[in-house]
Protein backbone atom coordinates (compact mmCIF):
# COMPACT_ATOMS: atom_id res chain seq x y z
CA MET A 1 95.43 85.00 108.18
CA SER A 2 94.75 81.21 107.01
CA ARG A 3 91.11 79.67 109.06
CA ASP A 4 94.03 77.99 111.28
CA GLY A 5 95.73 81.19 112.16
CA ARG A 6 98.91 79.84 111.42
CA VAL A 7 99.97 81.24 108.24
CA VAL A 8 99.64 85.68 108.16
CA ALA A 9 100.12 87.24 104.49
CA TYR A 10 100.24 90.93 103.66
CA ALA A 11 101.49 93.54 101.52
CA ALA A 12 104.09 95.92 103.20
CA TYR A 13 107.06 97.92 101.86
CA ARG A 14 109.64 100.09 102.78
CA GLY A 15 110.63 103.05 100.83
CA ARG A 16 110.04 102.15 97.44
CA LYS A 17 110.10 98.50 97.73
CA HIS A 18 106.89 96.67 98.08
CA PHE A 19 106.54 93.12 99.22
CA VAL A 20 104.57 90.38 100.26
CA VAL A 21 105.50 88.99 104.16
CA VAL A 22 104.29 85.92 105.19
CA ASN A 23 104.80 85.03 108.71
CA GLU A 24 107.92 86.50 109.12
CA ASN A 25 109.27 86.05 105.92
CA GLU A 26 110.01 88.81 103.49
CA GLY A 27 109.03 87.78 99.23
CA GLU A 28 111.05 89.50 96.60
CA ASP A 29 110.80 93.43 95.97
CA TYR A 30 108.59 95.05 93.39
CA THR A 31 107.48 98.30 92.61
CA GLY A 32 104.12 97.23 93.37
CA ILE A 33 102.02 94.61 95.23
CA TRP A 34 98.10 94.35 95.42
CA GLY A 35 95.92 91.33 96.42
CA PRO A 36 97.48 88.99 98.74
CA THR A 37 95.48 86.10 99.00
CA LEU A 38 96.17 83.33 101.01
CA ALA A 39 94.76 79.52 100.19
CA PRO A 40 92.46 78.77 102.76
CA ASP A 41 94.60 75.61 104.25
CA GLY A 42 97.62 78.94 104.47
CA SER A 43 99.31 76.48 101.65
CA THR A 44 99.91 78.76 99.10
CA VAL A 45 99.62 82.46 98.54
CA LEU A 46 98.77 84.20 95.27
CA TYR A 47 99.56 88.15 94.64
CA GLY A 48 100.14 90.69 92.19
CA GLY A 49 103.50 92.32 91.83
CA ARG A 50 104.72 94.90 89.26
CA ARG A 51 108.50 95.64 88.18
CA HIS A 52 108.97 98.35 86.40
CA ASP A 53 107.36 97.91 82.85
CA ALA A 54 106.34 94.06 83.71
CA VAL A 55 103.46 92.62 85.73
CA TYR A 56 103.67 89.53 87.13
CA LEU A 57 101.25 86.65 89.39
CA ILE A 58 103.18 85.15 91.99
CA LEU A 59 101.75 82.06 92.98
CA GLY A 60 104.02 80.64 95.96
CA ASP A 61 107.22 80.08 94.58
CA ARG A 62 106.38 80.83 90.65
CA ARG A 63 106.29 84.13 89.38
CA VAL A 64 104.45 83.93 85.67
CA PRO A 65 104.74 87.37 83.38
CA ALA A 66 101.03 88.45 83.06
CA MET A 67 101.64 91.44 81.26
CA VAL A 68 104.28 94.11 79.67
CA MET A 69 102.93 97.36 79.31
């Protein structure tokens, strides 16, 4: 939760699909999610996501490949 309480981010799942929810907006599906962290002002969320054999870092709307297994 942002310091002012206006933005909430958390990891969630439905079946085998994992995703991050920011306020009421669901992000992309991954096979695993970890570490959703909000900037103090709530402007940006950072988390890691795994899709099959690839690991990504997601920062706001940007997804960067971090590793291929």
